[in-house]
Amino acid sequence: MACDPANPKGSGIVDVWKEPVTIRFGAIDKSDRLTLDAMFQFFQDAAISHADNLNVGREEMARTGQVWILSRMTVFVDRRPDYLETVSVSSWPRGFEKLFAIRDYNIKDKDDKAAVSARSAWLIVDLEKRRPLRPQAVMDLLPQNTGLDAITQDAGAIGGLPLISGLAERDCLQKVSERKALYTDLDFNGHVNNVRYINWLEDTLDLEILEKADKMRFDINYLNEIRSGETVDVLFAPIQIEGSDASHVFAFEGRKVNGGQSAFRAELRLWESVKE
């Protein structure tokens, strides 16, 4: 059953949120295919709609002084959907691990084959104290969807990305940009929205590298929120991963200019098709 994002509660509670989406012009790059940041936008919208459907959306959480904050995300792209292709975007809760509430996603084609699969880890945060709370009381009320995995744990999903030791002293490190959190970066919670981080990182790379990428793996850890007016140095370095056959691998870190605190870490692997 297709869900209606304009009326999340209209069809009753659903264990898995699923909505049709047509890939429009603003969601593609020069290759005519879906961009990574657009995938994150689709996932964010689906998660918000499903939370509303399950009665744990923004308004319900705010009544108890709580808010959902995205902490980690792992995305596997097997194929980038094409311009004007209609796909289904699905999202569902998968229980919790320690302080993290787990939510999975996929984007499937007309043949019900997953083009993109993802797993996220969310924190429930006290709005006033800005501290994480244990999620069990909320998660126990939600569908567990046992066995319904978009990706498996042995794929390294939602793992913590380590501090890139010594990168600041290595010649290969580049400070590629300095980004100040401005109006278009911010969301309702008053901090930089999770999708905007992806825009920042995409902007550090050569256009052709991203346009030619057929498959991807992207991991990001959101470490410290970036508030309005704060400035972040975006650091970048090509890296090697033992055993990986990826065409390109990049590591990223965002450090607040005031104090040097790490705001995020990310790793992007790209595979290009071999032309005959």
Protein backbone atom coordinates (compact mmCIF):
# COMPACT_ATOMS: atom_id res chain seq x y z
CA MET A 1 0.00 0.00 0.00
CA ALA A 2 1.33 3.43 -0.94
CA CYS A 3 1.42 5.95 1.90
CA ASP A 4 0.40 9.58 1.59
CA PRO A 5 3.03 12.06 2.87
CA ALA A 6 0.41 14.83 2.81
CA ASN A 7 -1.68 12.85 5.32
CA PRO A 8 0.64 10.46 7.22
CA LYS A 9 -2.04 9.24 9.61
CA GLY A 10 -4.78 8.93 7.00
CA SER A 11 -4.40 5.19 6.36
CA GLY A 12 -3.77 4.08 9.93
CA ILE A 13 -0.52 2.87 11.50
CA VAL A 14 1.88 1.13 9.11
CA ASP A 15 4.94 -0.91 10.07
CA VAL A 16 6.79 0.15 6.91
CA TRP A 17 6.34 3.53 5.28
CA LYS A 18 6.33 3.32 1.46
CA GLU A 19 5.68 6.12 -0.98
CA PRO A 20 6.15 6.54 -4.75
CA VAL A 21 8.60 9.24 -5.87
CA THR A 22 9.41 10.41 -9.39
CA ILE A 23 13.00 11.58 -9.91
CA ARG A 24 12.64 15.21 -10.91
CA PHE A 25 15.08 17.70 -12.42
CA GLY A 26 16.28 19.13 -9.10
CA ALA A 27 17.37 15.68 -7.87
CA ILE A 28 19.83 14.82 -10.68
CA ASP A 29 23.27 15.86 -11.86
CA LYS A 30 24.72 16.12 -15.38
CA SER A 31 24.65 12.31 -15.70
CA ASP A 32 20.81 12.42 -15.55
CA ARG A 33 20.88 10.30 -12.37
CA LEU A 34 19.88 10.74 -8.75
CA THR A 35 22.40 12.55 -6.54
CA LEU A 36 23.52 11.47 -3.09
CA ASP A 37 22.08 14.56 -1.40
CA ALA A 38 18.70 13.91 -3.03
CA MET A 39 18.75 10.36 -1.63
CA PHE A 40 19.26 11.84 1.85
CA GLN A 41 16.36 14.23 1.23
CA PHE A 42 14.09 11.33 0.24
CA PHE A 43 15.12 9.38 3.34
CA GLN A 44 14.61 12.36 5.64
CA ASP A 45 11.13 13.01 4.26
CA ALA A 46 10.13 9.36 4.58
CA ALA A 47 11.42 9.14 8.17
CA ILE A 48 9.54 12.29 9.19
CA SER A 49 6.31 11.08 7.60
CA HIS A 50 6.60 7.67 9.24
CA ALA A 51 7.33 9.19 12.65
CA ASP A 52 4.14 11.24 12.29
CA ASN A 53 2.26 8.11 11.26
CA LEU A 54 3.55 6.26 14.35
CA ASN A 55 2.64 9.16 16.68
CA VAL A 56 6.28 9.93 17.51
CA GLY A 57 6.64 12.89 15.16
CA ARG A 58 7.91 16.37 15.85
CA GLU A 59 4.81 17.66 17.63
CA GLU A 60 4.29 14.57 19.82
CA MET A 61 7.97 14.50 20.87
CA ALA A 62 8.00 18.24 21.60
CA ARG A 63 5.17 17.81 24.11
CA THR A 64 7.51 15.73 26.26
CA GLY A 65 10.52 18.00 25.66
CA GLN A 66 12.23 15.61 23.24
CA VAL A 67 13.47 15.70 19.66
CA TRP A 68 14.86 13.18 17.16
CA ILE A 69 18.46 13.91 16.06
CA LEU A 70 20.19 11.95 13.29
CA SER A 71 23.53 10.66 14.55
CA ARG A 72 24.88 8.24 11.90
CA MET A 73 24.02 7.07 8.42
CA THR A 74 25.34 4.38 6.07
CA VAL A 75 24.15 4.30 2.46
CA PHE A 76 24.83 1.68 -0.22
CA VAL A 77 24.07 2.72 -3.80
CA ASP A 78 23.89 -0.22 -6.21
CA ARG A 79 22.39 1.86 -8.99
CA ARG A 80 21.52 5.55 -9.29
CA PRO A 81 17.91 5.92 -10.49
CA ASP A 82 17.41 7.91 -13.68
CA TYR A 83 15.64 11.17 -14.45
CA LEU A 84 11.83 10.76 -14.48
CA GLU A 85 12.09 7.20 -13.20
CA THR A 86 9.40 6.43 -10.62
CA VAL A 87 10.71 4.58 -7.59
CA SER A 88 9.35 3.60 -4.19
CA VAL A 89 10.99 5.05 -1.09
CA SER A 90 10.52 2.96 2.06
CA SER A 91 11.53 3.43 5.69
CA TRP A 92 10.96 1.50 8.88
CA PRO A 93 12.21 1.29 12.51
CA ARG A 94 14.52 -1.61 13.45
CA GLY A 95 14.63 -1.48 17.24
CA PHE A 96 17.46 0.13 19.19
CA GLU A 97 21.09 -0.42 20.16
CA LYS A 98 22.19 1.25 23.40
CA LEU A 99 21.38 4.95 22.93
CA PHE A 100 20.62 4.61 19.21
CA ALA A 101 17.21 4.13 17.62
CA ILE A 102 17.76 2.30 14.32
CA ARG A 103 15.85 3.10 11.13
CA ASP A 104 16.32 1.45 7.72
CA TYR A 105 15.50 2.67 4.22
CA ASN A 106 15.53 1.61 0.62
CA ILE A 107 14.76 2.97 -2.83
CA LYS A 108 13.33 0.29 -5.13
CA ASP A 109 12.69 0.30 -8.86
CA LYS A 110 9.53 -0.80 -10.71
CA ASP A 111 10.70 -4.42 -10.49
CA ASP A 112 10.95 -4.15 -6.68
CA LYS A 113 14.75 -4.33 -6.78
CA ALA A 114 16.65 -2.15 -4.32
CA ALA A 115 18.74 0.49 -6.08
CA VAL A 116 19.72 2.15 -2.77
CA SER A 117 19.75 0.73 0.77
CA ALA A 118 20.53 2.54 4.00
CA ARG A 119 20.60 2.33 7.78
CA SER A 120 20.52 5.24 10.22
CA ALA A 121 21.00 5.69 13.94
CA TRP A 122 19.01 8.37 15.74
CA LEU A 123 19.24 9.86 19.20
CA ILE A 124 16.32 11.03 21.28
CA VAL A 125 17.57 14.28 22.78
CA ASP A 126 16.27 16.36 25.69
CA LEU A 127 15.40 19.69 24.08
CA GLU A 128 16.37 21.80 27.06
CA LYS A 129 19.56 20.03 28.18
CA ARG A 130 20.63 18.94 24.65
CA ARG A 131 21.54 15.53 26.06
CA PRO A 132 20.62 12.09 24.66
CA LEU A 133 18.00 10.01 26.43
CA ARG A 134 17.57 6.25 26.46
CA PRO A 135 15.27 5.35 23.53
CA GLN A 136 13.70 2.17 24.92
CA ALA A 137 10.51 3.80 26.27
CA VAL A 138 9.73 5.16 22.80
CA MET A 139 11.06 2.29 20.71
CA ASP A 140 9.13 -0.38 22.64
CA LEU A 141 5.92 1.23 21.35
CA LEU A 142 6.99 1.01 17.70
CA PRO A 143 7.03 -1.91 15.25
CA GLN A 144 10.29 -3.87 15.57
CA ASN A 145 10.27 -5.23 11.99
CA THR A 146 12.45 -8.14 13.11
CA GLY A 147 14.42 -9.63 10.23
CA LEU A 148 13.53 -6.83 7.82
CA ASP A 149 17.04 -5.51 7.18
CA ALA A 150 17.93 -3.04 4.44
CA ILE A 151 21.59 -3.84 5.08
CA THR A 152 23.33 -6.22 7.44
CA GLN A 153 25.46 -5.44 10.46
CA ASP A 154 28.43 -7.29 9.00
CA ALA A 155 28.51 -4.69 6.22
CA GLY A 156 29.74 -2.22 8.82
CA ALA A 157 26.51 -0.27 9.03
CA ILE A 158 26.24 2.73 11.36
CA GLY A 159 29.68 2.16 12.80
CA GLY A 160 31.52 5.04 14.40
CA LEU A 161 34.08 6.51 12.04
CA PRO A 162 37.39 6.99 13.87
CA LEU A 163 39.28 10.24 14.19
CA ILE A 164 41.46 10.54 11.12
CA SER A 165 44.68 10.34 13.09
CA GLY A 166 47.45 12.62 11.89
CA LEU A 167 45.54 14.00 8.92
CA ALA A 168 46.12 17.56 10.02
CA GLU A 169 49.87 17.07 9.57
CA ARG A 170 49.77 15.07 6.34
CA ASP A 171 50.53 16.72 3.03
CA CYS A 172 47.57 14.96 1.42
CA LEU A 173 45.05 16.78 3.60
CA GLN A 174 43.33 19.74 2.03
CA LYS A 175 41.16 22.35 3.66
CA VAL A 176 38.80 22.60 0.74
CA SER A 177 36.24 25.02 2.08
CA GLU A 178 35.04 27.06 5.01
CA ARG A 179 31.29 26.94 5.49
CA LYS A 180 29.26 29.24 7.68
CA ALA A 181 25.86 28.02 8.82
CA LEU A 182 23.42 30.35 7.12
CA TYR A 183 19.63 30.52 6.68
CA THR A 184 19.38 27.92 3.90
CA ASP A 185 21.49 25.43 5.89
CA LEU A 186 19.28 25.41 8.97
CA ASP A 187 16.20 23.37 9.79
CA PHE A 188 13.40 23.62 12.34
CA ASN A 189 15.74 22.51 15.15
CA GLY A 190 17.97 25.54 14.57
CA HIS A 191 21.02 23.61 13.40
CA VAL A 192 22.47 22.59 10.03
CA ASN A 193 20.18 20.01 8.45
CA ASN A 194 21.63 16.57 7.77
CA VAL A 195 21.14 16.92 4.00
CA ARG A 196 23.15 20.14 3.85
CA TYR A 197 26.25 18.31 5.12
CA ILE A 198 26.03 16.11 2.02
CA ASN A 199 25.84 19.19 -0.19
CA TRP A 200 28.97 20.58 1.49
CA LEU A 201 30.91 17.35 0.91
CA GLU A 202 29.76 16.91 -2.69
CA ASP A 203 31.00 20.43 -3.38
CA THR A 204 34.56 19.44 -2.38
CA LEU A 205 34.92 16.86 -5.17
CA ASP A 206 35.59 17.11 -8.87
CA LEU A 207 32.32 17.20 -10.81
CA GLU A 208 33.28 14.40 -13.17
CA ILE A 209 34.17 12.02 -10.35
CA LEU A 210 30.67 12.28 -8.94
CA GLU A 211 28.94 12.27 -12.31
CA LYS A 212 30.75 9.10 -13.42
CA ALA A 213 30.11 7.18 -10.20
CA ASP A 214 27.76 4.23 -10.71
CA LYS A 215 27.92 2.66 -7.26
CA MET A 216 28.65 4.25 -3.89
CA ARG A 217 29.05 3.62 -0.22
CA PHE A 218 28.74 6.62 2.07
CA ASP A 219 29.14 6.72 5.85
CA ILE A 220 28.67 9.83 7.96
CA ASN A 221 28.77 10.50 11.70
CA TYR A 222 27.11 13.71 12.89
CA LEU A 223 29.18 14.46 15.99
CA ASN A 224 28.29 17.96 17.18
CA GLU A 225 25.48 20.14 15.91
CA ILE A 226 26.40 23.24 13.93
CA ARG A 227 24.31 26.19 15.03
CA SER A 228 23.38 29.36 13.17
CA GLY A 229 26.40 31.55 12.45
CA GLU A 230 29.01 28.91 13.32
CA THR A 231 31.82 28.35 10.80
CA VAL A 232 33.31 24.95 9.92
CA ASP A 233 36.50 24.04 8.09
CA VAL A 234 35.79 21.16 5.70
CA LEU A 235 38.87 18.89 5.46
CA PHE A 236 39.37 16.34 2.72
CA ALA A 237 41.85 13.60 1.77
CA PRO A 238 41.93 10.70 -0.72
CA ILE A 239 42.63 7.52 1.25
CA GLN A 240 43.29 3.83 0.69
CA ILE A 241 41.18 1.05 2.21
CA GLU A 242 42.78 -2.35 2.28
CA GLY A 243 40.92 -4.85 0.12
CA SER A 244 38.63 -2.26 -1.46
CA ASP A 245 38.20 -2.26 -5.25
CA ALA A 246 36.59 1.19 -5.26
CA SER A 247 37.70 3.62 -7.96
CA HIS A 248 38.00 6.42 -5.40
CA VAL A 249 37.84 6.66 -1.60
CA PHE A 250 37.69 9.96 0.28
CA ALA A 251 37.71 10.87 3.95
CA PHE A 252 36.18 14.07 5.29
CA GLU A 253 36.10 15.88 8.56
CA GLY A 254 34.41 19.10 9.59
CA ARG A 255 36.03 21.10 12.37
CA LYS A 256 34.52 24.15 14.01
CA VAL A 257 36.72 27.18 13.48
CA ASN A 258 36.02 28.36 17.00
CA GLY A 259 37.62 25.69 19.22
CA GLY A 260 38.49 23.04 16.61
CA GLN A 261 35.74 20.66 17.73
CA SER A 262 34.88 17.90 15.23
CA ALA A 263 31.39 18.49 13.88
CA PHE A 264 31.25 15.49 11.53
CA ARG A 265 33.29 12.74 9.89
CA ALA A 266 32.47 10.97 6.65
CA GLU A 267 33.84 8.45 4.18
CA LEU A 268 32.82 8.09 0.54
CA ARG A 269 33.64 5.17 -1.77
CA LEU A 270 32.86 5.45 -5.47
CA TRP A 271 32.86 2.83 -8.22
CA GLU A 272 32.90 3.74 -11.88
CA SER A 273 31.74 1.32 -14.56
CA VAL A 274 34.43 -0.10 -16.83
CA LYS A 275 33.78 1.03 -20.38
CA GLU A 276 34.20 -1.62 -23.06
